[in-house]
C-alpha atoms as a PDB file:
ATOM      1  CA  MET A   1     118.651 208.250  56.100  1.00  0.00           C
ATOM      2  CA  LYS A   2     116.490 210.562  53.969  1.00  0.00           C
ATOM      3  CA  GLN A   3     114.935 209.278  50.871  1.00  0.00           C
ATOM      4  CA  GLN A   4     116.551 211.642  48.667  1.00  0.00           C
ATOM      5  CA  THR A   5     119.797 210.676  49.948  1.00  0.00           C
ATOM      6  CA  VAL A   6     119.214 207.107  49.374  1.00  0.00           C
ATOM      7  CA  ALA A   7     118.037 207.867  45.890  1.00  0.00           C
ATOM      8  CA  ASP A   8     121.198 210.043  45.168  1.00  0.00           C
ATOM      9  CA  LEU A   9     123.594 207.293  46.402  1.00  0.00           C
ATOM     10  CA  SER A  10     121.754 204.559  44.301  1.00  0.00           C
ATOM     11  CA  LEU A  11     121.876 206.972  41.216  1.00  0.00           C
ATOM     12  CA  LEU A  12     125.603 207.290  41.662  1.00  0.00           C
ATOM     13  CA  ALA A  13     126.021 203.586  41.996  1.00  0.00           C
ATOM     14  CA  VAL A  14     124.133 203.419  38.606  1.00  0.00           C
ATOM     15  CA  THR A  15     126.394 206.096  37.059  1.00  0.00           C
ATOM     16  CA  PHE A  16     129.548 204.126  38.376  1.00  0.00           C
ATOM     17  CA  VAL A  17     128.395 201.000  36.275  1.00  0.00           C
ATOM     18  CA  TRP A  18     127.881 203.112  33.235  1.00  0.00           C
ATOM     19  CA  GLY A  19     131.154 204.677  33.737  1.00  0.00           C
ATOM     20  CA  ALA A  20     133.003 201.478  34.468  1.00  0.00           C
ATOM     21  CA  THR A  21     131.512 199.552  31.589  1.00  0.00           C
ATOM     22  CA  PHE A  22     132.554 202.255  29.029  1.00  0.00           C
ATOM     23  CA  VAL A  23     135.670 200.480  28.302  1.00  0.00           C
ATOM     24  CA  VAL A  24     134.099 197.161  27.546  1.00  0.00           C
ATOM     25  CA  VAL A  25     131.618 198.635  25.533  1.00  0.00           C
ATOM     26  CA  GLN A  26     134.116 200.489  23.426  1.00  0.00           C
ATOM     27  CA  ASN A  27     136.017 197.248  22.765  1.00  0.00           C
ATOM     28  CA  ALA A  28     132.841 195.402  21.814  1.00  0.00           C
ATOM     29  CA  ILE A  29     131.525 197.930  19.337  1.00  0.00           C
ATOM     30  CA  SER A  30     134.753 197.275  17.225  1.00  0.00           C
ATOM     31  CA  PHE A  31     133.367 194.115  16.366  1.00  0.00           C
ATOM     32  CA  LEU A  32     129.568 194.703  16.665  1.00  0.00           C
ATOM     33  CA  GLN A  33     128.136 198.029  15.475  1.00  0.00           C
ATOM     34  CA  PRO A  34     126.694 200.532  17.938  1.00  0.00           C
ATOM     35  CA  LEU A  35     122.981 200.093  17.302  1.00  0.00           C
ATOM     36  CA  SER A  36     123.313 196.249  16.749  1.00  0.00           C
ATOM     37  CA  PHE A  37     125.109 196.058  19.856  1.00  0.00           C
ATOM     38  CA  ASN A  38     122.290 198.121  21.795  1.00  0.00           C
ATOM     39  CA  ALA A  39     119.543 196.114  19.936  1.00  0.00           C
ATOM     40  CA  VAL A  40     121.001 192.867  21.460  1.00  0.00           C
ATOM     41  CA  ARG A  41     121.890 194.578  24.812  1.00  0.00           C
ATOM     42  CA  PHE A  42     118.420 196.001  25.480  1.00  0.00           C
ATOM     43  CA  GLY A  43     116.676 192.846  23.954  1.00  0.00           C
ATOM     44  CA  LEU A  44     118.545 190.691  26.342  1.00  0.00           C
ATOM     45  CA  ALA A  45     117.835 193.229  29.112  1.00  0.00           C
ATOM     46  CA  GLY A  46     114.094 192.929  28.447  1.00  0.00           C
ATOM     47  CA  LEU A  47     113.967 189.205  28.646  1.00  0.00           C
ATOM     48  CA  LEU A  48     116.193 189.203  31.868  1.00  0.00           C
ATOM     49  CA  LEU A  49     113.628 191.439  33.481  1.00  0.00           C
ATOM     50  CA  LEU A  50     110.694 189.516  31.982  1.00  0.00           C
ATOM     51  CA  GLY A  51     112.313 186.092  33.635  1.00  0.00           C
ATOM     52  CA  TRP A  52     113.027 187.987  36.864  1.00  0.00           C
ATOM     53  CA  MET A  53     109.352 189.013  37.132  1.00  0.00           C
ATOM     54  CA  ALA A  54     108.014 185.470  36.385  1.00  0.00           C
ATOM     55  CA  ILE A  55     110.562 184.001  38.925  1.00  0.00           C
ATOM     56  CA  MET A  56     109.320 186.441  41.520  1.00  0.00           C
ATOM     57  CA  SER A  57     105.642 185.820  40.892  1.00  0.00           C
ATOM     58  CA  ARG A  58     104.930 189.451  40.220  1.00  0.00           C
ATOM     59  CA  PRO A  59     102.498 189.451  37.356  1.00  0.00           C
ATOM     60  CA  LEU A  60     102.703 192.703  35.311  1.00  0.00           C
ATOM     61  CA  LEU A  61      98.972 192.634  34.578  1.00  0.00           C
ATOM     62  CA  ARG A  62      98.145 193.701  38.030  1.00  0.00           C
ATOM     63  CA  ASN A  63      99.734 197.147  37.430  1.00  0.00           C
ATOM     64  CA  TRP A  64      99.288 197.173  33.709  1.00  0.00           C
ATOM     65  CA  SER A  65      97.537 199.982  31.797  1.00  0.00           C
ATOM     66  CA  TRP A  66      97.590 201.653  28.537  1.00  0.00           C
ATOM     67  CA  ARG A  67      98.661 205.014  30.137  1.00  0.00           C
ATOM     68  CA  ALA A  68     101.595 203.105  31.769  1.00  0.00           C
ATOM     69  CA  VAL A  69     102.590 201.542  28.549  1.00  0.00           C
ATOM     70  CA  GLY A  70     102.426 204.939  26.875  1.00  0.00           C
ATOM     71  CA  ALA A  71     104.603 206.526  29.465  1.00  0.00           C
ATOM     72  CA  GLY A  72     107.090 203.733  29.131  1.00  0.00           C
ATOM     73  CA  ALA A  73     107.110 203.980  25.395  1.00  0.00           C
ATOM     74  CA  TRP A  74     107.668 207.836  25.609  1.00  0.00           C
ATOM     75  CA  MET A  75     110.793 207.101  28.100  1.00  0.00           C
ATOM     76  CA  GLY A  76     112.074 204.653  25.749  1.00  0.00           C
ATOM     77  CA  LEU A  77     111.636 206.938  22.655  1.00  0.00           C
ATOM     78  CA  TRP A  78     113.768 209.419  24.386  1.00  0.00           C
ATOM     79  CA  LEU A  79     116.408 207.095  25.655  1.00  0.00           C
ATOM     80  CA  PHE A  80     116.843 205.553  22.088  1.00  0.00           C
ATOM     81  CA  ALA A  81     116.912 209.148  20.556  1.00  0.00           C
ATOM     82  CA  GLY A  82     119.915 209.820  22.961  1.00  0.00           C
ATOM     83  CA  TYR A  83     121.767 206.761  21.771  1.00  0.00           C
ATOM     84  CA  ALA A  84     120.949 207.037  18.142  1.00  0.00           C
ATOM     85  CA  PHE A  85     121.982 210.729  17.816  1.00  0.00           C
ATOM     86  CA  GLN A  86     125.033 209.934  19.703  1.00  0.00           C
ATOM     87  CA  THR A  87     125.997 207.282  17.348  1.00  0.00           C
ATOM     88  CA  VAL A  88     125.411 209.177  14.335  1.00  0.00           C
ATOM     89  CA  GLY A  89     127.184 212.273  15.696  1.00  0.00           C
ATOM     90  CA  LEU A  90     130.219 210.340  16.435  1.00  0.00           C
ATOM     91  CA  LEU A  91     130.728 209.628  12.769  1.00  0.00           C
ATOM     92  CA  TYR A  92     131.386 213.203  12.160  1.00  0.00           C
ATOM     93  CA  THR A  93     132.998 214.733  15.549  1.00  0.00           C
ATOM     94  CA  THR A  94     135.648 213.706  17.909  1.00  0.00           C
ATOM     95  CA  SER A  95     135.034 211.537  21.084  1.00  0.00           C
ATOM     96  CA  SER A  96     136.191 214.513  23.325  1.00  0.00           C
ATOM     97  CA  LYS A  97     133.724 216.884  21.807  1.00  0.00           C
ATOM     98  CA  ALA A  98     130.721 214.440  21.853  1.00  0.00           C
ATOM     99  CA  GLY A  99     131.314 213.704  25.479  1.00  0.00           C
ATOM    100  CA  PHE A 100     131.312 217.562  26.413  1.00  0.00           C
ATOM    101  CA  ILE A 101     128.225 218.184  24.412  1.00  0.00           C
ATOM    102  CA  THR A 102     126.571 215.231  25.692  1.00  0.00           C
ATOM    103  CA  GLY A 103     127.353 215.953  29.182  1.00  0.00           C
ATOM    104  CA  LEU A 104     125.651 219.664  28.499  1.00  0.00           C
ATOM    105  CA  SER A 105     122.495 217.808  29.561  1.00  0.00           C
ATOM    106  CA  VAL A 106     123.568 218.685  33.184  1.00  0.00           C
ATOM    107  CA  VAL A 107     122.565 222.403  32.180  1.00  0.00           C
ATOM    108  CA  LEU A 108     119.647 221.549  29.829  1.00  0.00           C
ATOM    109  CA  VAL A 109     117.688 219.444  32.738  1.00  0.00           C
ATOM    110  CA  PRO A 110     117.173 222.254  35.085  1.00  0.00           C
ATOM    111  CA  LEU A 111     116.298 224.688  32.226  1.00  0.00           C
ATOM    112  CA  PHE A 112     113.884 222.544  30.659  1.00  0.00           C
ATOM    113  CA  SER A 113     112.510 221.528  34.024  1.00  0.00           C
ATOM    114  CA  PHE A 114     111.772 225.145  34.542  1.00  0.00           C
ATOM    115  CA  VAL A 115     110.495 225.773  31.072  1.00  0.00           C
ATOM    116  CA  LEU A 116     108.031 222.788  31.104  1.00  0.00           C
ATOM    117  CA  GLY A 117     107.370 222.225  34.597  1.00  0.00           C
ATOM    118  CA  LYS A 118     107.935 225.687  36.179  1.00  0.00           C
ATOM    119  CA  GLU A 119     110.428 224.009  38.709  1.00  0.00           C
ATOM    120  CA  LYS A 120     112.805 226.835  39.639  1.00  0.00           C
ATOM    121  CA  PRO A 121     116.200 225.402  40.351  1.00  0.00           C
ATOM    122  CA  THR A 122     117.933 226.361  43.756  1.00  0.00           C
ATOM    123  CA  VAL A 123     121.119 228.738  43.667  1.00  0.00           C
ATOM    124  CA  ASN A 124     123.250 225.623  44.438  1.00  0.00           C
ATOM    125  CA  ALA A 125     121.968 223.340  41.880  1.00  0.00           C
ATOM    126  CA  THR A 126     122.411 226.124  39.151  1.00  0.00           C
ATOM    127  CA  VAL A 127     126.152 226.979  40.197  1.00  0.00           C
ATOM    128  CA  GLY A 128     126.690 223.179  40.731  1.00  0.00           C
ATOM    129  CA  ALA A 129     125.520 222.598  37.023  1.00  0.00           C
ATOM    130  CA  VAL A 130     127.556 225.355  35.632  1.00  0.00           C
ATOM    131  CA  LEU A 131     130.632 224.124  37.553  1.00  0.00           C
ATOM    132  CA  ALA A 132     130.087 220.536  36.191  1.00  0.00           C
ATOM    133  CA  ALA A 133     129.753 221.803  32.631  1.00  0.00           C
ATOM    134  CA  PHE A 134     133.075 223.497  32.973  1.00  0.00           C
ATOM    135  CA  GLY A 135     134.481 220.194  34.525  1.00  0.00           C
ATOM    136  CA  LEU A 136     133.153 218.152  31.417  1.00  0.00           C
ATOM    137  CA  TYR A 137     135.030 220.742  29.226  1.00  0.00           C
ATOM    138  CA  TRP A 138     138.344 220.173  31.102  1.00  0.00           C
ATOM    139  CA  LEU A 139     137.797 216.521  31.370  1.00  0.00           C
ATOM    140  CA  THR A 140     137.453 216.073  27.673  1.00  0.00           C
ATOM    141  CA  GLY A 141     140.757 217.893  27.100  1.00  0.00           C
ATOM    142  CA  GLY A 142     139.202 221.255  26.166  1.00  0.00           C
ATOM    143  CA  ALA A 143     137.078 220.444  23.010  1.00  0.00           C
ATOM    144  CA  GLU A 144     137.347 222.876  20.143  1.00  0.00           C
ATOM    145  CA  LEU A 145     134.588 225.373  20.045  1.00  0.00           C
ATOM    146  CA  SER A 146     133.925 225.086  16.351  1.00  0.00           C
ATOM    147  CA  PHE A 147     130.607 223.471  15.399  1.00  0.00           C
ATOM    148  CA  ASN A 148     129.820 220.845  12.618  1.00  0.00           C
ATOM    149  CA  ARG A 149     127.087 218.638  11.772  1.00  0.00           C
ATOM    150  CA  GLY A 150     128.145 215.983  14.172  1.00  0.00           C
ATOM    151  CA  ASP A 151     128.009 218.220  17.094  1.00  0.00           C
ATOM    152  CA  LEU A 152     124.634 219.226  16.091  1.00  0.00           C
ATOM    153  CA  PHE A 153     123.501 215.460  16.394  1.00  0.00           C
ATOM    154  CA  VAL A 154     125.530 215.109  19.685  1.00  0.00           C
ATOM    155  CA  PHE A 155     123.568 218.160  20.842  1.00  0.00           C
ATOM    156  CA  LEU A 156     120.230 216.545  19.968  1.00  0.00           C
ATOM    157  CA  CYS A 157     121.653 213.477  22.009  1.00  0.00           C
ATOM    158  CA  ALA A 158     122.008 215.719  24.979  1.00  0.00           C
ATOM    159  CA  ILE A 159     118.499 217.136  24.707  1.00  0.00           C
ATOM    160  CA  SER A 160     117.263 213.460  24.410  1.00  0.00           C
ATOM    161  CA  PHE A 161     118.997 212.355  27.414  1.00  0.00           C
ATOM    162  CA  ALA A 162     117.776 215.454  29.342  1.00  0.00           C
ATOM    163  CA  MET A 163     114.150 214.745  28.271  1.00  0.00           C
ATOM    164  CA  HIS A 164     114.546 211.130  29.461  1.00  0.00           C
ATOM    165  CA  ILE A 165     115.576 212.263  32.796  1.00  0.00           C
ATOM    166  CA  ILE A 166     112.604 214.786  33.059  1.00  0.00           C
ATOM    167  CA  VAL A 167     109.778 212.381  31.646  1.00  0.00           C
ATOM    168  CA  THR A 168     111.304 209.603  33.944  1.00  0.00           C
ATOM    169  CA  GLY A 169     110.835 212.009  36.961  1.00  0.00           C
ATOM    170  CA  ARG A 170     107.330 212.713  35.996  1.00  0.00           C
ATOM    171  CA  TYR A 171     105.871 209.237  35.376  1.00  0.00           C
ATOM    172  CA  SER A 172     108.122 207.262  38.002  1.00  0.00           C
ATOM    173  CA  SER A 173     105.590 208.256  40.781  1.00  0.00           C
ATOM    174  CA  ARG A 174     102.444 207.598  38.814  1.00  0.00           C
ATOM    175  CA  TYR A 175     103.089 204.200  37.537  1.00  0.00           C
ATOM    176  CA  SER A 176     104.329 200.758  38.222  1.00  0.00           C
ATOM    177  CA  THR A 177     108.407 200.763  38.209  1.00  0.00           C
ATOM    178  CA  GLN A 178     108.359 197.239  36.538  1.00  0.00           C
ATOM    179  CA  VAL A 179     105.920 198.335  33.772  1.00  0.00           C
ATOM    180  CA  LEU A 180     107.798 201.565  33.026  1.00  0.00           C
ATOM    181  CA  THR A 181     111.168 199.614  32.925  1.00  0.00           C
ATOM    182  CA  MET A 182     109.918 196.845  30.829  1.00  0.00           C
ATOM    183  CA  VAL A 183     108.290 198.916  28.326  1.00  0.00           C
ATOM    184  CA  GLN A 184     111.010 201.306  27.779  1.00  0.00           C
ATOM    185  CA  ILE A 185     113.690 198.630  27.347  1.00  0.00           C
ATOM    186  CA  PHE A 186     111.805 196.750  24.893  1.00  0.00           C
ATOM    187  CA  THR A 187     110.986 199.995  23.144  1.00  0.00           C
ATOM    188  CA  VAL A 188     114.739 200.745  22.858  1.00  0.00           C
ATOM    189  CA  ALA A 189     115.461 197.234  21.746  1.00  0.00           C
ATOM    190  CA  LEU A 190     112.730 197.374  18.968  1.00  0.00           C
ATOM    191  CA  LEU A 191     113.772 200.790  17.699  1.00  0.00           C
ATOM    192  CA  CYS A 192     117.488 199.648  17.772  1.00  0.00           C
ATOM    193  CA  PHE A 193     116.824 196.576  15.787  1.00  0.00           C
ATOM    194  CA  LEU A 194     114.869 198.721  13.216  1.00  0.00           C
ATOM    195  CA  PHE A 195     117.478 201.082  12.672  1.00  0.00           C
ATOM    196  CA  ALA A 196     120.378 198.705  12.776  1.00  0.00           C
ATOM    197  CA  PHE A 197     118.807 196.899   9.609  1.00  0.00           C
ATOM    198  CA  LEU A 198     118.243 200.251   8.056  1.00  0.00           C
ATOM    199  CA  LEU A 199     121.772 201.760   8.867  1.00  0.00           C
ATOM    200  CA  GLU A 200     124.058 199.012   9.690  1.00  0.00           C
ATOM    201  CA  ASP A 201     125.201 195.581   8.709  1.00  0.00           C
ATOM    202  CA  ALA A 202     122.528 193.971  11.019  1.00  0.00           C
ATOM    203  CA  SER A 203     123.762 190.485   9.859  1.00  0.00           C
ATOM    204  CA  GLN A 204     126.402 190.822  12.565  1.00  0.00           C
ATOM    205  CA  MET A 205     123.869 190.404  15.297  1.00  0.00           C
ATOM    206  CA  TRP A 206     123.123 186.739  14.194  1.00  0.00           C
ATOM    207  CA  ASN A 207     126.930 186.002  13.629  1.00  0.00           C
ATOM    208  CA  VAL A 208     128.013 183.303  16.030  1.00  0.00           C
ATOM    209  CA  ALA A 209     131.722 183.969  15.528  1.00  0.00           C
ATOM    210  CA  VAL A 210     131.137 187.691  16.567  1.00  0.00           C
ATOM    211  CA  LEU A 211     128.897 187.018  19.366  1.00  0.00           C
ATOM    212  CA  ARG A 212     131.336 184.383  20.807  1.00  0.00           C
ATOM    213  CA  ARG A 213     134.212 186.721  21.032  1.00  0.00           C
ATOM    214  CA  PRO A 214     135.103 187.590  24.658  1.00  0.00           C
ATOM    215  CA  GLU A 215     134.980 191.196  24.119  1.00  0.00           C
ATOM    216  CA  VAL A 216     131.376 190.945  22.739  1.00  0.00           C
ATOM    217  CA  TRP A 217     129.644 188.291  24.901  1.00  0.00           C
ATOM    218  CA  GLY A 218     131.233 189.617  27.992  1.00  0.00           C
ATOM    219  CA  ALA A 219     130.243 193.236  27.236  1.00  0.00           C
ATOM    220  CA  LEU A 220     126.653 192.031  26.299  1.00  0.00           C
ATOM    221  CA  THR A 221     126.275 190.026  29.572  1.00  0.00           C
ATOM    222  CA  VAL A 222     127.564 192.916  31.871  1.00  0.00           C
ATOM    223  CA  THR A 223     125.682 195.624  30.177  1.00  0.00           C
ATOM    224  CA  SER A 224     122.331 193.943  29.731  1.00  0.00           C
ATOM    225  CA  LEU A 225     122.473 192.693  33.240  1.00  0.00           C
ATOM    226  CA  LEU A 226     124.030 195.634  35.291  1.00  0.00           C
ATOM    227  CA  ALA A 227     124.031 198.569  32.899  1.00  0.00           C
ATOM    228  CA  THR A 228     120.491 198.139  31.559  1.00  0.00           C
ATOM    229  CA  THR A 229     118.234 195.965  33.559  1.00  0.00           C
ATOM    230  CA  ALA A 230     119.352 196.825  37.080  1.00  0.00           C
ATOM    231  CA  ALA A 231     120.302 200.469  36.178  1.00  0.00           C
ATOM    232  CA  PHE A 232     117.084 201.406  34.799  1.00  0.00           C
ATOM    233  CA  LEU A 233     114.972 199.494  37.329  1.00  0.00           C
ATOM    234  CA  ILE A 234     116.842 201.665  39.881  1.00  0.00           C
ATOM    235  CA  GLN A 235     116.507 204.799  38.211  1.00  0.00           C
ATOM    236  CA  THR A 236     112.804 204.476  37.677  1.00  0.00           C
ATOM    237  CA  ALA A 237     112.314 203.424  41.176  1.00  0.00           C
ATOM    238  CA  VAL A 238     114.243 206.066  42.977  1.00  0.00           C
ATOM    239  CA  GLN A 239     114.058 209.146  40.784  1.00  0.00           C
ATOM    240  CA  LYS A 240     110.552 209.956  42.465  1.00  0.00           C
ATOM    241  CA  HIS A 241     112.616 210.833  45.644  1.00  0.00           C
ATOM    242  CA  THR A 242     114.925 213.345  44.077  1.00  0.00           C
ATOM    243  CA  THR A 243     114.813 216.133  41.384  1.00  0.00           C
ATOM    244  CA  PRO A 244     115.791 215.869  37.686  1.00  0.00           C
ATOM    245  CA  ALA A 245     118.533 218.395  38.225  1.00  0.00           C
ATOM    246  CA  HIS A 246     120.014 216.290  40.983  1.00  0.00           C
ATOM    247  CA  VAL A 247     119.835 213.281  38.616  1.00  0.00           C
ATOM    248  CA  ALA A 248     121.622 215.225  35.646  1.00  0.00           C
ATOM    249  CA  LEU A 249     124.426 216.264  37.966  1.00  0.00           C
ATOM    250  CA  ILE A 250     125.070 212.671  39.241  1.00  0.00           C
ATOM    251  CA  PHE A 251     125.052 211.435  35.795  1.00  0.00           C
ATOM    252  CA  ALA A 252     127.595 213.871  34.976  1.00  0.00           C
ATOM    253  CA  MET A 253     130.005 211.775  36.850  1.00  0.00           C
ATOM    254  CA  GLU A 254     129.649 208.954  34.277  1.00  0.00           C
ATOM    255  CA  PRO A 255     132.803 210.283  32.165  1.00  0.00           C
ATOM    256  CA  VAL A 256     134.734 210.704  35.416  1.00  0.00           C
ATOM    257  CA  PHE A 257     134.090 207.077  36.375  1.00  0.00           C
ATOM    258  CA  ALA A 258     135.010 206.121  32.832  1.00  0.00           C
ATOM    259  CA  ALA A 259     138.244 207.926  32.800  1.00  0.00           C
ATOM    260  CA  LEU A 260     139.261 206.469  36.145  1.00  0.00           C
ATOM    261  CA  THR A 261     138.373 203.068  34.875  1.00  0.00           C
ATOM    262  CA  ALA A 262     140.437 203.495  31.811  1.00  0.00           C
ATOM    263  CA  TYR A 263     143.258 204.688  34.008  1.00  0.00           C
ATOM    264  CA  LEU A 264     143.181 201.787  36.253  1.00  0.00           C
ATOM    265  CA  TRP A 265     142.122 198.997  33.960  1.00  0.00           C
ATOM    266  CA  ALA A 266     143.569 200.000  30.437  1.00  0.00           C
ATOM    267  CA  GLY A 267     146.641 202.042  31.613  1.00  0.00           C
ATOM    268  CA  GLU A 268     145.255 205.391  29.992  1.00  0.00           C
ATOM    269  CA  ARG A 269     146.979 208.489  31.439  1.00  0.00           C
ATOM    270  CA  LEU A 270     144.934 211.282  32.605  1.00  0.00           C
ATOM    271  CA  SER A 271     146.150 214.931  31.851  1.00  0.00           C
ATOM    272  CA  PRO A 272     146.091 217.534  34.575  1.00  0.00           C
ATOM    273  CA  SER A 273     143.091 219.034  32.886  1.00  0.00           C
ATOM    274  CA  ALA A 274     141.165 215.796  33.250  1.00  0.00           C
ATOM    275  CA  TRP A 275     141.898 215.538  36.756  1.00  0.00           C
ATOM    276  CA  LEU A 276     140.917 219.183  37.460  1.00  0.00           C
ATOM    277  CA  GLY A 277     137.643 218.469  35.380  1.00  0.00           C
ATOM    278  CA  GLY A 278     137.021 215.413  37.470  1.00  0.00           C
ATOM    279  CA  PHE A 279     137.256 217.415  40.603  1.00  0.00           C
ATOM    280  CA  ALA A 280     134.945 220.318  39.305  1.00  0.00           C
ATOM    281  CA  ILE A 281     132.330 217.734  38.328  1.00  0.00           C
ATOM    282  CA  LEU A 282     132.431 216.280  41.841  1.00  0.00           C
ATOM    283  CA  ALA A 283     132.446 219.627  43.452  1.00  0.00           C
ATOM    284  CA  GLY A 284     129.387 220.684  41.393  1.00  0.00           C
ATOM    285  CA  MET A 285     127.555 217.471  42.469  1.00  0.00           C
ATOM    286  CA  VAL A 286     128.568 218.043  46.242  1.00  0.00           C
ATOM    287  CA  LEU A 287     127.478 221.838  45.948  1.00  0.00           C
ATOM    288  CA  ALA A 288     124.081 220.971  44.845  1.00  0.00           C
ATOM    289  CA  GLU A 289     123.619 218.581  47.737  1.00  0.00           C
ATOM    290  CA  LEU A 290     124.303 221.261  50.301  1.00  0.00           C
ATOM    291  CA  PRO A 291     121.778 223.598  51.696  1.00  0.00           C
ATOM    292  CA  SER A 292     120.936 226.583  49.233  1.00  0.00           C
ATOM    293  CA  VAL A 293     122.458 230.053  49.888  1.00  0.00           C
ATOM    294  CA  ARG A 294     119.118 231.467  50.789  1.00  0.00           C
ATOM    295  CA  LEU A 295     118.610 228.805  53.272  1.00  0.00           C
ATOM    296  CA  TRP A 296     122.095 229.771  54.946  1.00  0.00           C
ATOM    297  CA  GLY A 297     121.033 233.286  55.017  1.00  0.00           C
ATOM    298  CA  LYS A 298     118.056 232.483  56.812  1.00  0.00           C
ATOM    299  CA  ARG A 299     119.910 230.459  59.456  1.00  0.00           C
ATOM    300  CA  TRP A 300     122.532 233.054  59.796  1.00  0.00           C
ATOM    301  CA  ARG A 301     120.012 235.777  60.538  1.00  0.00           C
ATOM    302  CA  ALA A 302     118.153 233.605  62.937  1.00  0.00           C
ATOM    303  CA  LYS A 303     121.405 233.000  64.907  1.00  0.00           C
ATOM    304  CA  ARG A 304     121.997 236.597  64.933  1.00  0.00           C
ATOM    305  CA  ASN A 305     118.498 237.375  66.198  1.00  0.00           C
ATOM    306  CA  ILE A 306     118.899 234.816  68.927  1.00  0.00           C
ATOM    307  CA  SER A 307     122.506 236.077  70.058  1.00  0.00           C
ATOM    308  CA  SER A 308     121.237 239.831  70.063  1.00  0.00           C
END
């Protein structure tokens, strides 16, 4: 199996975890505010990763360098910005519009990759990204096209997540996976703690009664172990074998998995447009995996020359 196929399947598994945990996170943040929740989540994830490294006897100092630390911090800054802008944006806009605008990173990634790295996307990747964007619009119930300040914050969130994908692809092949993951997770945790104290009632982070609620500790356990430690380790390790455009398309499946999880576990009904949107996103992802149109043309001409 090709390395890119393994990488894409691994990232799809990560996306499934993110989508499947959306319901439990949504329940948890009704008791613990978003930045406070992510501060504890990423803090626990960093400690879990540090403990795992100690148990596996893999000293970080062997692959440690200030450039690696800087790269990991840069990745963590973009990741934190995505979460922070989304949290603020949700105060002023609807969840459906936020979901659609956040998903626009699927279009922004190939655009930024071309502008910043001169990586020209294939025809299939471009068409797949546009199809996935329409799918996100249908999946979120056809969000209104009006624009407010909340939408601006969420659009900044989409830019941040797109940049996180791009910088992860740039640095994942240069530096240690463990170092990059460790630094970016602790960077997000530190920034979340800081802004939680500035913008939220951060005392809830130390409230034992809140942390002992099943909705909170269950969500923290699942997200810190699977959706953070394992997920970002896998993304950092395998993204070097695929393209940022592919990653963005795969991550567009997160709201699809979230909707299916809500349908199966929480009994939420999916509208016909939601089903159509899910199929459109899936079709866009599959289309991007197929050989490009230009390649098909070469194969067709080659067969024609042989037959003649």
